């Protein structure tokens, strides 16, 4: 499968060095304390924030800071593959954890002791860069909810194609990007060799 047409355009119509178009809207969910829809090209994510509010389960209450909970999911119709995914699958659990840890670093939880903030993120349409879009949507939803945050997070997802002449060069240049996901900005490196 070719990712670039003979005319030099990607599958989504962009030129090779062209960024995806970004769109954001806050206040998309009326019943939530804060919400946002974030679009990055053909990827579309919705996030809703409830709280800060009283902790629902007293055994989880933290006396000196707020409890942050996050739930990530992908709509069944978000990709061409319409398979039903179980609610707590490993990938969703991992992404929920990453989003929660990132948001905990951003939220001034010490200003809201004995409270709870729930963040719900759902991918409506997936076309690459879903993790970045999720963090960006969650940040906008937190700001819309009026939560005390350190600053607005902006997560970038970039790909850089490097031309390598040998397999050894590829092995030297390979970088794992999942551990760096907890950083506020991260880069995903795609290596292609000819």
N, C-alpha and C. Protein backbone atom coordinates (compact mmCIF):
# COMPACT_ATOMS: atom_id res chain seq x y z
N UNK A 1 0.84 -1.19 0.00
CA UNK A 1 0.00 0.00 0.00
C UNK A 1 0.88 1.24 0.00
N UNK A 2 0.62 2.15 -0.92
CA UNK A 2 1.39 3.39 -1.00
C UNK A 2 0.76 4.43 -0.08
N UNK A 3 1.62 5.13 0.65
CA UNK A 3 1.15 6.18 1.55
C UNK A 3 1.22 7.56 0.90
N UNK A 4 1.94 7.66 -0.20
CA UNK A 4 2.05 8.92 -0.94
C UNK A 4 1.70 8.63 -2.39
N UNK A 5 0.79 9.42 -2.93
CA UNK A 5 0.35 9.23 -4.31
C UNK A 5 1.42 9.70 -5.29
N UNK A 6 1.29 9.34 -6.56
CA UNK A 6 2.26 9.83 -7.57
C UNK A 6 2.30 11.36 -7.65
N UNK A 7 1.20 12.02 -7.25
CA UNK A 7 1.16 13.48 -7.25
C UNK A 7 1.88 14.07 -6.03
N UNK A 8 2.34 13.21 -5.12
CA UNK A 8 3.06 13.67 -3.95
C UNK A 8 2.16 13.99 -2.76
N UNK A 9 0.93 13.48 -2.75
CA UNK A 9 -0.01 13.76 -1.65
C UNK A 9 -0.22 12.51 -0.79
N UNK A 10 -0.45 12.71 0.50
CA UNK A 10 -0.77 11.60 1.40
C UNK A 10 -2.19 11.14 1.16
N UNK A 11 -2.58 10.05 1.82
CA UNK A 11 -3.93 9.50 1.66
C UNK A 11 -5.01 10.51 2.03
N UNK A 12 -4.74 11.37 3.01
CA UNK A 12 -5.74 12.36 3.44
C UNK A 12 -5.66 13.67 2.66
N UNK A 13 -4.83 13.72 1.63
CA UNK A 13 -4.77 14.90 0.76
C UNK A 13 -3.70 15.92 1.14
N UNK A 14 -2.95 15.67 2.22
CA UNK A 14 -1.90 16.62 2.63
C UNK A 14 -0.61 16.35 1.87
N UNK A 15 0.19 17.40 1.75
CA UNK A 15 1.53 17.25 1.20
C UNK A 15 2.41 16.60 2.28
N UNK A 16 3.54 16.00 1.90
CA UNK A 16 4.38 15.29 2.89
C UNK A 16 4.82 16.14 4.08
N UNK A 17 5.08 17.41 3.92
CA UNK A 17 5.55 18.25 5.02
C UNK A 17 4.43 19.11 5.62
N UNK A 18 3.20 18.84 5.27
CA UNK A 18 2.07 19.63 5.74
C UNK A 18 1.47 19.05 7.01
N UNK A 19 1.19 19.92 7.99
CA UNK A 19 0.59 19.48 9.26
C UNK A 19 -0.89 19.17 9.08
N UNK A 20 -1.41 18.38 9.99
CA UNK A 20 -2.85 18.15 10.02
C UNK A 20 -3.52 19.43 10.51
N UNK A 21 -4.71 19.69 10.00
CA UNK A 21 -5.46 20.86 10.43
C UNK A 21 -6.02 20.61 11.83
N UNK A 22 -5.92 21.62 12.71
CA UNK A 22 -6.39 21.50 14.08
C UNK A 22 -7.66 22.32 14.28
N UNK A 23 -8.63 21.73 15.01
CA UNK A 23 -9.86 22.43 15.37
C UNK A 23 -10.21 22.05 16.80
N UNK A 24 -10.71 23.01 17.57
CA UNK A 24 -11.10 22.73 18.95
C UNK A 24 -12.38 23.49 19.27
N UNK A 25 -13.21 22.87 20.09
CA UNK A 25 -14.46 23.48 20.53
C UNK A 25 -14.66 23.11 22.00
N UNK A 26 -14.95 24.08 22.84
CA UNK A 26 -15.22 23.78 24.24
C UNK A 26 -16.71 23.88 24.51
N UNK A 27 -17.14 23.25 25.60
CA UNK A 27 -18.55 23.29 25.98
C UNK A 27 -19.43 22.38 25.14
N UNK A 28 -18.88 21.28 24.65
CA UNK A 28 -19.63 20.39 23.75
C UNK A 28 -20.63 19.50 24.49
N UNK A 29 -20.38 19.20 25.77
CA UNK A 29 -21.27 18.35 26.56
C UNK A 29 -21.93 19.21 27.62
N UNK A 30 -23.24 19.40 27.52
CA UNK A 30 -23.96 20.33 28.38
C UNK A 30 -23.94 19.92 29.85
N UNK A 31 -24.05 18.63 30.16
CA UNK A 31 -24.15 18.17 31.55
C UNK A 31 -22.80 18.09 32.26
N UNK A 32 -21.70 18.18 31.53
CA UNK A 32 -20.36 18.10 32.14
C UNK A 32 -19.95 19.46 32.70
N UNK A 33 -19.05 19.43 33.69
CA UNK A 33 -18.51 20.68 34.22
C UNK A 33 -17.60 21.36 33.19
N UNK A 34 -16.96 20.56 32.38
CA UNK A 34 -16.12 21.07 31.30
C UNK A 34 -16.02 20.02 30.21
N UNK A 35 -15.96 20.46 28.98
CA UNK A 35 -15.87 19.50 27.87
C UNK A 35 -15.22 20.15 26.67
N UNK A 36 -14.71 19.30 25.79
CA UNK A 36 -14.08 19.80 24.58
C UNK A 36 -14.09 18.74 23.49
N UNK A 37 -14.18 19.19 22.26
CA UNK A 37 -13.99 18.35 21.09
C UNK A 37 -12.71 18.84 20.44
N UNK A 38 -11.80 17.93 20.15
CA UNK A 38 -10.53 18.29 19.52
C UNK A 38 -10.37 17.46 18.26
N UNK A 39 -10.13 18.14 17.15
CA UNK A 39 -9.91 17.47 15.87
C UNK A 39 -8.50 17.76 15.38
N UNK A 40 -7.85 16.71 14.92
CA UNK A 40 -6.51 16.82 14.37
C UNK A 40 -6.51 16.05 13.06
N UNK A 41 -6.73 16.77 11.98
CA UNK A 41 -6.92 16.11 10.69
C UNK A 41 -8.24 15.37 10.72
N UNK A 42 -8.21 14.07 10.41
CA UNK A 42 -9.41 13.25 10.44
C UNK A 42 -9.64 12.56 11.78
N UNK A 43 -8.78 12.82 12.76
CA UNK A 43 -8.94 12.27 14.10
C UNK A 43 -9.82 13.21 14.91
N UNK A 44 -10.83 12.65 15.59
CA UNK A 44 -11.77 13.46 16.36
C UNK A 44 -11.96 12.83 17.73
N UNK A 45 -11.76 13.65 18.79
CA UNK A 45 -11.82 13.18 20.16
C UNK A 45 -12.72 14.10 20.97
N UNK A 46 -13.50 13.52 21.87
CA UNK A 46 -14.33 14.32 22.78
C UNK A 46 -13.90 13.99 24.21
N UNK A 47 -13.82 15.02 25.06
CA UNK A 47 -13.44 14.84 26.45
C UNK A 47 -14.45 15.57 27.33
N UNK A 48 -14.77 14.95 28.47
CA UNK A 48 -15.67 15.57 29.44
C UNK A 48 -15.04 15.46 30.82
N UNK A 49 -15.16 16.54 31.60
CA UNK A 49 -14.61 16.58 32.96
C UNK A 49 -15.75 16.84 33.93
N UNK A 50 -15.78 16.04 35.00
CA UNK A 50 -16.75 16.23 36.08
C UNK A 50 -15.96 16.47 37.36
N UNK A 51 -16.16 17.61 37.97
CA UNK A 51 -15.46 17.94 39.20
C UNK A 51 -14.70 19.24 39.04
N UNK A 52 -13.99 19.66 40.06
CA UNK A 52 -13.82 18.93 41.32
C UNK A 52 -15.14 18.82 42.08
N UNK A 53 -15.34 17.65 42.67
CA UNK A 53 -16.54 17.37 43.45
C UNK A 53 -16.17 16.45 44.60
N UNK A 54 -17.13 16.20 45.47
CA UNK A 54 -16.90 15.34 46.62
C UNK A 54 -16.55 13.93 46.15
N UNK A 55 -15.62 13.31 46.84
CA UNK A 55 -15.19 11.95 46.48
C UNK A 55 -16.36 10.99 46.68
N UNK A 56 -16.63 10.19 45.66
CA UNK A 56 -17.76 9.25 45.72
C UNK A 56 -17.47 8.06 46.62
N UNK A 57 -16.26 7.53 46.58
CA UNK A 57 -15.87 6.39 47.38
C UNK A 57 -14.90 6.88 48.46
N UNK A 58 -15.37 6.98 49.68
CA UNK A 58 -14.57 7.56 50.79
C UNK A 58 -13.23 6.84 50.99
N UNK A 59 -13.15 5.56 50.65
CA UNK A 59 -11.89 4.84 50.84
C UNK A 59 -10.80 5.33 49.89
N UNK A 60 -11.18 5.99 48.80
CA UNK A 60 -10.22 6.52 47.83
C UNK A 60 -9.83 7.97 48.12
N UNK A 61 -10.46 8.59 49.10
CA UNK A 61 -10.22 10.01 49.41
C UNK A 61 -8.78 10.24 49.84
N UNK A 62 -8.19 11.31 49.34
CA UNK A 62 -6.83 11.71 49.70
C UNK A 62 -6.96 13.03 50.45
N UNK A 63 -6.41 13.09 51.65
CA UNK A 63 -6.63 14.26 52.52
C UNK A 63 -5.95 15.53 52.05
N UNK A 64 -4.80 15.42 51.39
CA UNK A 64 -4.06 16.64 51.05
C UNK A 64 -4.11 17.01 49.56
N UNK A 65 -4.85 16.25 48.75
CA UNK A 65 -4.95 16.58 47.32
C UNK A 65 -6.18 15.94 46.69
N UNK A 66 -6.46 16.34 45.47
CA UNK A 66 -7.61 15.80 44.74
C UNK A 66 -7.26 14.45 44.13
N UNK A 67 -8.26 13.60 44.01
CA UNK A 67 -8.15 12.31 43.34
C UNK A 67 -8.50 12.54 41.87
N UNK A 68 -7.61 12.15 40.96
CA UNK A 68 -7.85 12.30 39.52
C UNK A 68 -8.09 10.91 38.94
N UNK A 69 -9.22 10.76 38.27
CA UNK A 69 -9.55 9.49 37.60
C UNK A 69 -9.74 9.76 36.12
N UNK A 70 -9.37 8.79 35.30
CA UNK A 70 -9.48 8.97 33.85
C UNK A 70 -9.98 7.68 33.21
N UNK A 71 -10.87 7.84 32.24
CA UNK A 71 -11.36 6.70 31.48
C UNK A 71 -11.27 7.02 30.00
N UNK A 72 -10.57 6.17 29.26
CA UNK A 72 -10.36 6.33 27.82
C UNK A 72 -11.12 5.23 27.10
N UNK A 73 -11.74 5.57 25.98
CA UNK A 73 -12.39 4.55 25.16
C UNK A 73 -12.39 4.99 23.70
N UNK A 74 -12.54 4.01 22.84
CA UNK A 74 -12.69 4.27 21.41
C UNK A 74 -14.08 3.83 20.99
N UNK A 75 -14.79 4.68 20.29
CA UNK A 75 -16.11 4.31 19.79
C UNK A 75 -15.96 3.16 18.80
N UNK A 76 -16.93 2.26 18.79
CA UNK A 76 -16.86 1.11 17.88
C UNK A 76 -16.76 1.54 16.43
N UNK A 77 -17.31 2.69 16.10
CA UNK A 77 -17.31 3.17 14.73
C UNK A 77 -16.11 4.07 14.41
N UNK A 78 -15.15 4.21 15.32
CA UNK A 78 -14.05 5.15 15.14
C UNK A 78 -13.04 4.72 14.07
N UNK A 79 -12.98 3.45 13.77
CA UNK A 79 -12.06 2.96 12.73
C UNK A 79 -12.85 2.13 11.73
N UNK A 80 -12.21 1.72 10.68
CA UNK A 80 -12.85 0.85 9.70
C UNK A 80 -13.15 -0.51 10.28
N UNK A 81 -12.38 -0.91 11.30
CA UNK A 81 -12.57 -2.19 11.98
C UNK A 81 -13.68 -2.02 13.01
N UNK A 82 -14.82 -2.65 12.80
CA UNK A 82 -15.98 -2.45 13.67
C UNK A 82 -16.11 -3.54 14.73
N UNK A 83 -15.01 -4.09 15.15
CA UNK A 83 -15.06 -5.12 16.18
C UNK A 83 -15.36 -4.50 17.53
N UNK A 84 -16.19 -5.15 18.30
CA UNK A 84 -16.53 -4.66 19.63
C UNK A 84 -15.36 -4.96 20.57
N UNK A 85 -14.89 -3.93 21.26
CA UNK A 85 -13.76 -4.10 22.16
C UNK A 85 -14.27 -4.16 23.60
N UNK A 86 -13.68 -5.03 24.42
CA UNK A 86 -14.10 -5.06 25.82
C UNK A 86 -13.73 -3.75 26.52
N UNK A 87 -14.49 -3.38 27.53
CA UNK A 87 -14.30 -2.08 28.18
C UNK A 87 -12.92 -1.90 28.79
N UNK A 88 -12.38 -2.90 29.46
CA UNK A 88 -11.10 -2.74 30.14
C UNK A 88 -9.95 -3.40 29.44
N UNK A 89 -9.89 -3.32 28.11
CA UNK A 89 -8.79 -3.97 27.40
C UNK A 89 -7.46 -3.29 27.76
N UNK A 90 -6.38 -3.99 27.51
CA UNK A 90 -5.05 -3.55 27.94
C UNK A 90 -4.66 -2.19 27.35
N UNK A 91 -4.93 -1.98 26.07
CA UNK A 91 -4.57 -0.73 25.42
C UNK A 91 -5.32 0.45 26.04
N UNK A 92 -6.61 0.30 26.26
CA UNK A 92 -7.41 1.37 26.86
C UNK A 92 -6.95 1.68 28.27
N UNK A 93 -6.62 0.64 29.03
CA UNK A 93 -6.14 0.83 30.40
C UNK A 93 -4.82 1.58 30.41
N UNK A 94 -3.92 1.23 29.48
CA UNK A 94 -2.61 1.91 29.40
C UNK A 94 -2.78 3.38 29.03
N UNK A 95 -3.62 3.66 28.05
CA UNK A 95 -3.81 5.04 27.61
C UNK A 95 -4.51 5.85 28.71
N UNK A 96 -5.46 5.23 29.42
CA UNK A 96 -6.11 5.91 30.55
C UNK A 96 -5.09 6.30 31.60
N UNK A 97 -4.17 5.38 31.90
CA UNK A 97 -3.13 5.65 32.89
C UNK A 97 -2.22 6.79 32.45
N UNK A 98 -1.80 6.78 31.18
CA UNK A 98 -0.92 7.82 30.66
C UNK A 98 -1.61 9.19 30.71
N UNK A 99 -2.87 9.24 30.30
CA UNK A 99 -3.60 10.52 30.34
C UNK A 99 -3.77 10.99 31.78
N UNK A 100 -4.10 10.06 32.69
CA UNK A 100 -4.27 10.44 34.10
C UNK A 100 -2.97 10.98 34.68
N UNK A 101 -1.85 10.30 34.44
CA UNK A 101 -0.56 10.76 34.96
C UNK A 101 -0.18 12.12 34.39
N UNK A 102 -0.45 12.32 33.11
CA UNK A 102 -0.14 13.60 32.48
C UNK A 102 -1.00 14.71 33.07
N UNK A 103 -2.29 14.44 33.27
CA UNK A 103 -3.19 15.44 33.83
C UNK A 103 -2.89 15.72 35.30
N UNK A 104 -2.49 14.69 36.06
CA UNK A 104 -2.12 14.90 37.46
C UNK A 104 -0.93 15.84 37.58
N UNK A 105 0.00 15.75 36.63
CA UNK A 105 1.16 16.64 36.64
C UNK A 105 0.76 18.08 36.32
N UNK A 106 -0.35 18.24 35.64
CA UNK A 106 -0.80 19.56 35.21
C UNK A 106 -1.77 20.22 36.21
N UNK A 107 -2.62 19.41 36.85
CA UNK A 107 -3.64 19.94 37.77
C UNK A 107 -3.00 20.28 39.12
N UNK A 108 -3.38 21.40 39.68
CA UNK A 108 -2.91 21.79 41.01
C UNK A 108 -3.79 21.09 42.04
N UNK A 109 -3.53 19.79 42.22
CA UNK A 109 -4.39 18.95 43.07
C UNK A 109 -4.33 19.35 44.54
N UNK A 110 -3.23 19.96 44.97
CA UNK A 110 -3.11 20.36 46.38
C UNK A 110 -4.07 21.48 46.75
N UNK A 111 -4.61 22.18 45.77
CA UNK A 111 -5.57 23.25 46.05
C UNK A 111 -6.99 22.72 46.24
N UNK A 112 -7.20 21.43 45.96
CA UNK A 112 -8.54 20.82 46.05
C UNK A 112 -8.49 19.53 46.88
N UNK A 113 -8.12 19.62 48.17
CA UNK A 113 -8.02 18.39 48.97
C UNK A 113 -9.38 17.74 49.15
N UNK A 114 -9.36 16.40 49.33
CA UNK A 114 -10.56 15.60 49.57
C UNK A 114 -11.63 15.78 48.49
N UNK A 115 -11.20 15.95 47.24
CA UNK A 115 -12.14 16.07 46.12
C UNK A 115 -11.74 15.11 45.01
N UNK A 116 -12.57 15.04 44.00
CA UNK A 116 -12.37 14.09 42.90
C UNK A 116 -12.61 14.80 41.57
N UNK A 117 -11.77 14.50 40.60
CA UNK A 117 -11.93 15.01 39.24
C UNK A 117 -11.96 13.81 38.31
N UNK A 118 -13.05 13.65 37.58
CA UNK A 118 -13.20 12.55 36.63
C UNK A 118 -13.04 13.08 35.21
N UNK A 119 -12.18 12.42 34.43
CA UNK A 119 -11.94 12.81 33.04
C UNK A 119 -12.34 11.63 32.15
N UNK A 120 -13.24 11.88 31.23
CA UNK A 120 -13.68 10.85 30.28
C UNK A 120 -13.27 11.30 28.88
N UNK A 121 -12.55 10.44 28.18
CA UNK A 121 -12.07 10.75 26.84
C UNK A 121 -12.52 9.64 25.89
N UNK A 122 -13.13 10.03 24.77
CA UNK A 122 -13.56 9.03 23.80
C UNK A 122 -13.12 9.45 22.40
N UNK A 123 -12.51 8.50 21.69
CA UNK A 123 -12.11 8.73 20.30
C UNK A 123 -13.32 8.45 19.42
N UNK A 124 -13.78 9.47 18.70
CA UNK A 124 -14.92 9.32 17.82
C UNK A 124 -14.51 8.88 16.42
N UNK A 125 -13.33 9.35 16.00
CA UNK A 125 -12.81 8.99 14.69
C UNK A 125 -11.30 8.91 14.80
N UNK A 126 -10.71 7.79 14.41
CA UNK A 126 -9.28 7.57 14.55
C UNK A 126 -8.60 7.56 13.18
N UNK A 127 -7.63 8.46 13.03
CA UNK A 127 -6.83 8.50 11.81
C UNK A 127 -5.40 8.92 12.15
N UNK A 128 -4.86 8.38 13.24
CA UNK A 128 -3.51 8.70 13.66
C UNK A 128 -3.46 9.84 14.65
N UNK A 129 -2.51 9.77 15.57
CA UNK A 129 -2.32 10.83 16.56
C UNK A 129 -3.40 10.87 17.62
N UNK A 130 -4.03 9.72 17.91
CA UNK A 130 -5.15 9.73 18.86
C UNK A 130 -4.71 10.07 20.28
N UNK A 131 -3.55 9.59 20.70
CA UNK A 131 -3.09 9.89 22.06
C UNK A 131 -2.84 11.38 22.24
N UNK A 132 -2.22 11.99 21.27
CA UNK A 132 -1.99 13.43 21.35
C UNK A 132 -3.30 14.19 21.40
N UNK A 133 -4.24 13.80 20.55
CA UNK A 133 -5.54 14.46 20.51
C UNK A 133 -6.28 14.28 21.83
N UNK A 134 -6.14 13.11 22.47
CA UNK A 134 -6.80 12.86 23.75
C UNK A 134 -6.28 13.78 24.85
N UNK A 135 -4.97 13.92 24.95
CA UNK A 135 -4.39 14.80 25.97
C UNK A 135 -4.80 16.26 25.70
N UNK A 136 -4.78 16.67 24.45
CA UNK A 136 -5.17 18.04 24.11
C UNK A 136 -6.64 18.29 24.45
N UNK A 137 -7.51 17.34 24.14
CA UNK A 137 -8.94 17.48 24.45
C UNK A 137 -9.16 17.51 25.96
N UNK A 138 -8.47 16.65 26.70
CA UNK A 138 -8.61 16.62 28.17
C UNK A 138 -8.15 17.93 28.79
N UNK A 139 -7.06 18.50 28.28
CA UNK A 139 -6.57 19.78 28.79
C UNK A 139 -7.59 20.89 28.57
N UNK A 140 -8.16 20.94 27.38
CA UNK A 140 -9.17 21.96 27.09
C UNK A 140 -10.41 21.77 27.97
N UNK A 141 -10.81 20.52 28.20
CA UNK A 141 -11.97 20.24 29.04
C UNK A 141 -11.71 20.66 30.49
N UNK A 142 -10.49 20.42 30.98
CA UNK A 142 -10.13 20.85 32.34
C UNK A 142 -10.19 22.38 32.46
N UNK A 143 -9.68 23.06 31.46
CA UNK A 143 -9.73 24.53 31.46
C UNK A 143 -11.18 25.01 31.42
N UNK A 144 -12.01 24.35 30.62
CA UNK A 144 -13.42 24.71 30.52
C UNK A 144 -14.15 24.48 31.85
N UNK A 145 -13.73 23.46 32.61
CA UNK A 145 -14.34 23.17 33.91
C UNK A 145 -13.89 24.14 35.00
N UNK A 146 -12.86 24.93 34.70
CA UNK A 146 -12.36 25.89 35.68
C UNK A 146 -11.43 25.27 36.69
N UNK A 147 -10.87 24.10 36.40
CA UNK A 147 -9.92 23.46 37.31
C UNK A 147 -8.63 24.27 37.35
N UNK A 148 -8.04 24.31 38.54
CA UNK A 148 -6.76 25.01 38.69
C UNK A 148 -5.67 24.15 38.06
N UNK A 149 -5.08 24.65 36.97
CA UNK A 149 -4.03 23.91 36.28
C UNK A 149 -2.78 24.77 36.16
N UNK A 150 -1.65 24.09 36.10
CA UNK A 150 -0.36 24.76 35.98
C UNK A 150 -0.30 25.58 34.70
N UNK A 151 -0.65 24.94 33.59
CA UNK A 151 -0.69 25.61 32.29
C UNK A 151 -1.42 24.70 31.32
N UNK A 152 -1.76 25.24 30.17
CA UNK A 152 -2.39 24.41 29.14
C UNK A 152 -1.33 23.53 28.50
N UNK A 153 -1.62 22.25 28.39
CA UNK A 153 -0.70 21.32 27.74
C UNK A 153 -0.96 21.29 26.25
N UNK A 154 0.09 21.18 25.50
CA UNK A 154 -0.02 20.96 24.06
C UNK A 154 0.88 19.79 23.74
N UNK A 155 0.27 18.72 23.24
CA UNK A 155 1.04 17.53 22.91
C UNK A 155 1.16 17.45 21.40
N UNK A 156 2.38 17.26 20.94
CA UNK A 156 2.66 17.16 19.52
C UNK A 156 3.00 15.72 19.17
N UNK A 157 2.66 15.32 17.99
CA UNK A 157 2.98 13.99 17.49
C UNK A 157 3.57 14.19 16.11
N UNK A 158 4.87 14.01 16.01
CA UNK A 158 5.53 14.24 14.72
C UNK A 158 6.19 12.97 14.24
N UNK A 159 6.34 12.87 12.97
CA UNK A 159 7.06 11.76 12.37
C UNK A 159 8.14 12.34 11.48
N UNK A 160 9.30 11.77 11.58
CA UNK A 160 10.41 12.22 10.75
C UNK A 160 10.95 11.00 10.02
N UNK A 161 11.02 11.08 8.73
CA UNK A 161 11.56 9.97 7.93
C UNK A 161 13.04 10.22 7.70
N UNK A 162 13.85 9.26 8.08
CA UNK A 162 15.28 9.36 7.89
C UNK A 162 15.71 8.33 6.85
N UNK A 163 16.58 8.72 5.98
CA UNK A 163 17.09 7.79 4.98
C UNK A 163 18.34 7.11 5.54
N UNK A 164 18.32 5.81 5.58
CA UNK A 164 19.44 5.04 6.12
C UNK A 164 19.96 4.11 5.02
N UNK A 165 21.26 3.91 5.03
CA UNK A 165 21.82 3.05 3.99
C UNK A 165 22.08 1.64 4.49
N UNK A 166 22.18 1.43 5.81
CA UNK A 166 22.45 0.10 6.33
C UNK A 166 21.51 -0.23 7.50
N UNK A 167 21.39 -1.52 7.77
CA UNK A 167 20.58 -1.97 8.89
C UNK A 167 21.18 -1.49 10.21
N UNK A 168 22.51 -1.41 10.30
CA UNK A 168 23.17 -0.95 11.51
C UNK A 168 22.77 0.50 11.83
N UNK A 169 22.65 1.33 10.80
CA UNK A 169 22.24 2.71 11.03
C UNK A 169 20.83 2.76 11.60
N UNK A 170 19.96 1.90 11.10
CA UNK A 170 18.59 1.86 11.62
C UNK A 170 18.61 1.46 13.08
N UNK A 171 19.38 0.42 13.43
CA UNK A 171 19.44 -0.04 14.81
C UNK A 171 20.00 1.05 15.73
N UNK A 172 20.95 1.83 15.25
CA UNK A 172 21.51 2.90 16.06
C UNK A 172 20.50 4.03 16.27
N UNK A 173 19.62 4.26 15.29
CA UNK A 173 18.70 5.38 15.36
C UNK A 173 17.35 5.05 15.99
N UNK A 174 17.07 3.75 16.19
CA UNK A 174 15.75 3.39 16.72
C UNK A 174 15.58 3.96 18.13
N UNK A 175 14.42 4.59 18.33
CA UNK A 175 14.10 5.16 19.64
C UNK A 175 12.74 4.63 20.06
N UNK A 176 12.60 4.25 21.32
CA UNK A 176 11.30 3.85 21.82
C UNK A 176 10.58 5.11 22.28
N UNK A 177 9.33 5.27 21.87
CA UNK A 177 8.63 6.51 22.20
C UNK A 177 7.61 6.34 23.31
N UNK A 178 7.23 5.15 23.72
CA UNK A 178 6.23 5.00 24.77
C UNK A 178 6.69 5.54 26.12
N UNK A 179 7.94 5.25 26.58
CA UNK A 179 8.34 5.80 27.87
C UNK A 179 8.35 7.32 27.89
N UNK A 180 8.65 7.95 26.76
CA UNK A 180 8.68 9.42 26.72
C UNK A 180 7.28 10.01 26.66
N UNK A 181 6.26 9.14 26.60
CA UNK A 181 4.88 9.62 26.49
C UNK A 181 4.48 10.43 27.70
N UNK A 182 5.08 10.16 28.86
CA UNK A 182 4.70 10.88 30.06
C UNK A 182 5.25 12.30 30.07
N UNK A 183 6.14 12.61 29.16
CA UNK A 183 6.61 13.99 29.04
C UNK A 183 5.52 14.82 28.39
N UNK A 184 5.54 16.09 28.61
CA UNK A 184 4.49 16.94 28.08
C UNK A 184 4.56 17.05 26.57
N UNK A 185 5.74 17.07 26.04
CA UNK A 185 5.92 17.06 24.59
C UNK A 185 6.70 15.81 24.23
N UNK A 186 6.30 15.14 23.22
CA UNK A 186 7.05 13.96 22.82
C UNK A 186 7.11 13.89 21.30
N UNK A 187 8.05 13.11 20.85
CA UNK A 187 8.22 12.95 19.42
C UNK A 187 8.20 11.47 19.08
N UNK A 188 7.50 11.15 18.04
CA UNK A 188 7.50 9.77 17.55
C UNK A 188 8.35 9.73 16.29
N UNK A 189 9.30 8.89 16.29
CA UNK A 189 10.22 8.79 15.17
C UNK A 189 9.85 7.60 14.32
N UNK A 190 9.64 7.83 13.06
CA UNK A 190 9.44 6.73 12.11
C UNK A 190 10.69 6.66 11.25
N UNK A 191 11.26 5.52 11.22
CA UNK A 191 12.48 5.36 10.43
C UNK A 191 12.13 4.59 9.16
N UNK A 192 12.54 5.12 8.04
CA UNK A 192 12.35 4.38 6.80
C UNK A 192 13.68 4.27 6.09
N UNK A 193 13.96 3.13 5.60
CA UNK A 193 15.23 2.91 4.92
C UNK A 193 15.01 2.58 3.45
N UNK A 194 15.96 2.98 2.68
CA UNK A 194 15.91 2.65 1.25
C UNK A 194 17.21 1.99 0.87
